[in-house]
Amino acid sequence: ALLAEYSQVLLPTVRKVLCDTEGRVRETATHCAAKLYEKNSPLVLEQVLPWLMDQLFSPPVYDVASASDTHEAILHSLELLIREEPHGILPSFYGTVLKQPYDVMKIRALGCVASATNPNVVHNSFTRILPALVDAAAINQDTQFIKENGLDVDVATSIFREEIGSTANKLFHRVTSDGAHSLLGQLGTMLQEGRPLI
């Protein structure tokens, strides 16, 4: 009851600490966020997750060298939150991450789903994540933004596709024998839809 009462006061601090570059500090903040979620899930989803993802995705990142320690810290915090509360976090998470245009951080964020403790969470993600990865590989990125920031479009595209492959590998490594059916089923569906699986 006390935790719920002071959640409005605690959440701004938790938000800030989730971006800390010290891993142990982030883990403590994640446990606190999970406890707050148990007491007041709408408040956490409204005030923590959108703020974290805004810090991660604005401005977009098309060059790995442009990623800061804060970006890496937020990705780690997302992994920890998904591990703690996958069913509560993922619907809102998908609502933001699966919106185009895609950039390096959005693709890396999708890889955070592989951190879920229960492999079924990963298996159930295939219907959402695999089409997004294929679409991301097929569409043109925001070339105007890339050029305005002094980046080479071909280099940025190459880096982007490497990130897509890395994220796919993270997810595939979590597939169990039970999940293989889900994976093959989704790949079959995508082939029927005419999506190029490359």
Protein backbone atom coordinates (compact mmCIF):
# COMPACT_ATOMS: atom_id res chain seq x y z
CA ALA A 1 0.00 0.00 0.00
CA LEU A 2 2.84 2.37 0.86
CA LEU A 3 4.57 1.65 -2.46
CA ALA A 4 1.39 2.36 -4.40
CA GLU A 5 0.82 5.58 -2.45
CA TYR A 6 4.23 6.98 -3.31
CA SER A 7 4.47 5.64 -6.86
CA GLN A 8 3.94 9.10 -8.38
CA VAL A 9 6.96 10.34 -6.43
CA LEU A 10 9.13 7.29 -7.12
CA LEU A 11 8.55 6.89 -10.86
CA PRO A 12 10.54 9.94 -12.06
CA THR A 13 13.55 8.69 -10.09
CA VAL A 14 13.10 5.14 -11.37
CA ARG A 15 12.94 6.45 -14.93
CA LYS A 16 16.19 8.33 -14.54
CA VAL A 17 18.00 5.42 -12.88
CA LEU A 18 16.91 3.01 -15.64
CA CYS A 19 19.20 5.04 -17.92
CA ASP A 20 22.18 4.80 -15.54
CA THR A 21 25.32 3.40 -17.13
CA GLU A 22 26.00 1.17 -14.10
CA GLY A 23 24.41 -2.27 -14.58
CA ARG A 24 23.69 -3.00 -10.92
CA VAL A 25 21.95 0.34 -10.53
CA ARG A 26 19.72 -0.44 -13.52
CA GLU A 27 18.87 -3.87 -12.14
CA THR A 28 17.75 -2.34 -8.85
CA ALA A 29 15.64 0.22 -10.72
CA THR A 30 14.09 -2.56 -12.81
CA HIS A 31 13.06 -4.53 -9.72
CA CYS A 32 11.53 -1.36 -8.30
CA ALA A 33 9.66 -0.70 -11.56
CA ALA A 34 8.35 -4.29 -11.53
CA LYS A 35 7.07 -3.87 -7.96
CA LEU A 36 5.43 -0.58 -8.89
CA TYR A 37 3.87 -2.31 -11.90
CA GLU A 38 2.31 -4.90 -9.58
CA LYS A 39 0.69 -2.08 -7.59
CA ASN A 40 -0.18 0.36 -10.37
CA SER A 41 0.45 -1.07 -13.83
CA PRO A 42 -1.27 1.73 -15.83
CA LEU A 43 0.92 4.37 -14.20
CA VAL A 44 4.13 2.49 -14.98
CA LEU A 45 3.05 1.89 -18.59
CA GLU A 46 2.13 5.56 -18.99
CA GLN A 47 5.14 7.15 -17.29
CA VAL A 48 8.08 4.76 -17.60
CA LEU A 49 7.93 2.75 -20.82
CA PRO A 50 7.01 5.59 -23.25
CA TRP A 51 9.65 7.84 -21.70
CA LEU A 52 12.35 5.17 -21.99
CA MET A 53 11.52 4.47 -25.60
CA ASP A 54 11.41 8.16 -26.45
CA GLN A 55 14.95 8.47 -25.06
CA LEU A 56 15.98 5.46 -27.14
CA PHE A 57 14.36 6.35 -30.46
CA SER A 58 14.59 10.15 -30.64
CA PRO A 59 16.53 11.05 -32.66
CA PRO A 60 16.80 7.87 -34.75
CA VAL A 61 20.17 6.10 -34.92
CA TYR A 62 21.44 4.82 -38.27
CA ASP A 63 25.11 4.47 -37.36
CA VAL A 64 26.24 2.23 -34.49
CA ALA A 65 29.01 4.70 -33.71
CA SER A 66 26.30 7.27 -32.92
CA ALA A 67 24.84 5.07 -30.18
CA SER A 68 25.69 6.38 -26.73
CA ASP A 69 26.20 4.66 -23.39
CA THR A 70 22.69 5.82 -22.54
CA HIS A 71 21.27 3.95 -25.53
CA GLU A 72 22.98 0.76 -24.38
CA ALA A 73 21.77 1.32 -20.80
CA ILE A 74 18.17 1.74 -21.94
CA LEU A 75 18.34 -1.40 -24.09
CA HIS A 76 19.59 -3.34 -21.07
CA SER A 77 16.78 -1.90 -18.94
CA LEU A 78 14.23 -2.97 -21.56
CA GLU A 79 15.66 -6.49 -21.46
CA LEU A 80 15.32 -6.54 -17.69
CA LEU A 81 11.76 -5.17 -17.77
CA ILE A 82 10.72 -7.74 -20.38
CA ARG A 83 12.27 -10.46 -18.23
CA GLU A 84 10.35 -9.23 -15.18
CA GLU A 85 6.96 -8.38 -16.72
CA PRO A 86 6.75 -9.60 -20.34
CA HIS A 87 2.96 -9.85 -20.56
CA GLY A 88 2.48 -6.36 -19.15
CA ILE A 89 5.28 -4.63 -21.02
CA LEU A 90 5.21 -6.19 -24.50
CA PRO A 91 1.85 -4.90 -25.84
CA SER A 92 2.89 -1.26 -25.28
CA PHE A 93 6.43 -2.07 -26.35
CA TYR A 94 5.27 -3.48 -29.69
CA GLY A 95 2.95 -0.53 -30.21
CA THR A 96 5.97 1.78 -30.37
CA VAL A 97 8.80 -0.37 -31.71
CA LEU A 98 6.88 -1.81 -34.67
CA LYS A 99 6.05 1.61 -36.10
CA GLN A 100 7.98 2.57 -39.21
CA PRO A 101 10.45 4.01 -40.00
CA TYR A 102 12.86 1.53 -38.44
CA ASP A 103 16.34 2.41 -37.26
CA VAL A 104 19.19 0.57 -35.54
CA MET A 105 17.78 1.12 -32.05
CA LYS A 106 14.31 -0.18 -32.95
CA ILE A 107 15.84 -3.32 -34.45
CA ARG A 108 18.03 -3.82 -31.37
CA ALA A 109 15.02 -3.24 -29.13
CA LEU A 110 13.18 -6.08 -30.88
CA GLY A 111 16.09 -8.30 -29.90
CA CYS A 112 15.35 -7.52 -26.25
CA VAL A 113 12.36 -9.89 -26.48
CA ALA A 114 14.87 -12.76 -26.57
CA SER A 115 15.68 -11.98 -22.93
CA ALA A 116 12.24 -13.19 -21.77
CA THR A 117 12.67 -16.03 -19.28
CA ASN A 118 9.78 -18.06 -20.69
CA PRO A 119 10.62 -19.30 -24.22
CA ASN A 120 6.91 -19.24 -25.07
CA VAL A 121 7.06 -15.45 -24.92
CA VAL A 122 9.73 -15.56 -27.61
CA HIS A 123 7.79 -18.10 -29.68
CA ASN A 124 4.64 -15.97 -29.50
CA SER A 125 6.60 -12.95 -30.69
CA PHE A 126 7.36 -14.45 -34.10
CA THR A 127 4.07 -13.35 -35.69
CA ARG A 128 4.93 -9.74 -34.84
CA ILE A 129 8.70 -9.53 -35.03
CA LEU A 130 9.61 -11.66 -38.06
CA PRO A 131 7.40 -9.72 -40.53
CA ALA A 132 8.80 -6.48 -39.10
CA LEU A 133 12.39 -7.63 -39.63
CA VAL A 134 11.66 -8.68 -43.21
CA ASP A 135 9.87 -5.39 -43.91
CA ALA A 136 12.75 -3.45 -42.35
CA ALA A 137 15.24 -5.20 -44.63
CA ALA A 138 13.11 -4.51 -47.70
CA ILE A 139 12.16 -0.85 -47.23
CA ASN A 140 14.27 2.22 -47.81
CA GLN A 141 15.45 4.00 -44.72
CA ASP A 142 15.09 7.74 -44.13
CA THR A 143 17.84 8.63 -46.61
CA GLN A 144 17.28 12.36 -46.18
CA PHE A 145 17.87 12.11 -42.42
CA ILE A 146 20.95 9.93 -43.02
CA LYS A 147 22.46 12.40 -45.49
CA GLU A 148 21.64 15.42 -43.32
CA ASN A 149 23.63 13.81 -40.51
CA GLY A 150 26.68 13.28 -42.71
CA LEU A 151 26.33 9.50 -43.04
CA ASP A 152 26.88 7.37 -46.12
CA VAL A 153 23.59 5.77 -47.17
CA ASP A 154 25.20 2.52 -48.39
CA VAL A 155 27.22 2.14 -45.18
CA ALA A 156 24.16 2.90 -43.04
CA THR A 157 22.13 0.33 -44.99
CA SER A 158 24.82 -2.32 -44.54
CA ILE A 159 25.00 -1.66 -40.79
CA PHE A 160 21.22 -1.74 -40.56
CA ARG A 161 20.99 -5.15 -42.24
CA GLU A 162 23.70 -6.53 -39.97
CA GLU A 163 21.60 -5.44 -36.99
CA ILE A 164 18.55 -7.17 -38.46
CA GLY A 165 20.53 -10.40 -38.78
CA SER A 166 21.86 -10.07 -35.24
CA THR A 167 18.37 -9.57 -33.82
CA ALA A 168 16.99 -12.54 -35.77
CA ASN A 169 19.84 -14.72 -34.44
CA LYS A 170 19.08 -13.70 -30.85
CA LEU A 171 15.48 -14.79 -31.27
CA PHE A 172 16.29 -18.01 -33.14
CA HIS A 173 18.74 -19.07 -30.42
CA ARG A 174 15.86 -19.09 -27.94
CA VAL A 175 13.73 -21.45 -30.03
CA THR A 176 12.98 -24.76 -28.33
CA SER A 177 11.61 -27.90 -29.98
CA ASP A 178 8.11 -26.69 -29.07
CA GLY A 179 8.77 -23.30 -30.64
CA ALA A 180 10.13 -24.70 -33.89
CA HIS A 181 6.56 -25.34 -35.05
CA SER A 182 5.63 -21.68 -34.41
CA LEU A 183 8.72 -20.46 -36.23
CA LEU A 184 8.17 -22.67 -39.28
CA GLY A 185 4.48 -21.78 -39.33
CA GLN A 186 5.26 -18.07 -39.38
CA LEU A 187 7.89 -18.49 -42.08
CA GLY A 188 5.37 -20.46 -44.15
CA THR A 189 2.78 -17.71 -43.72
CA MET A 190 5.26 -15.09 -44.84
CA LEU A 191 6.15 -17.11 -47.93
CA GLN A 192 2.46 -17.40 -48.80
CA GLU A 193 2.18 -13.62 -48.48
CA GLY A 194 5.04 -13.24 -50.94
CA ARG A 195 7.47 -11.72 -48.45
CA PRO A 196 11.12 -12.25 -49.43
CA LEU A 197 12.82 -14.16 -46.60
CA ILE A 198 16.22 -12.61 -47.25
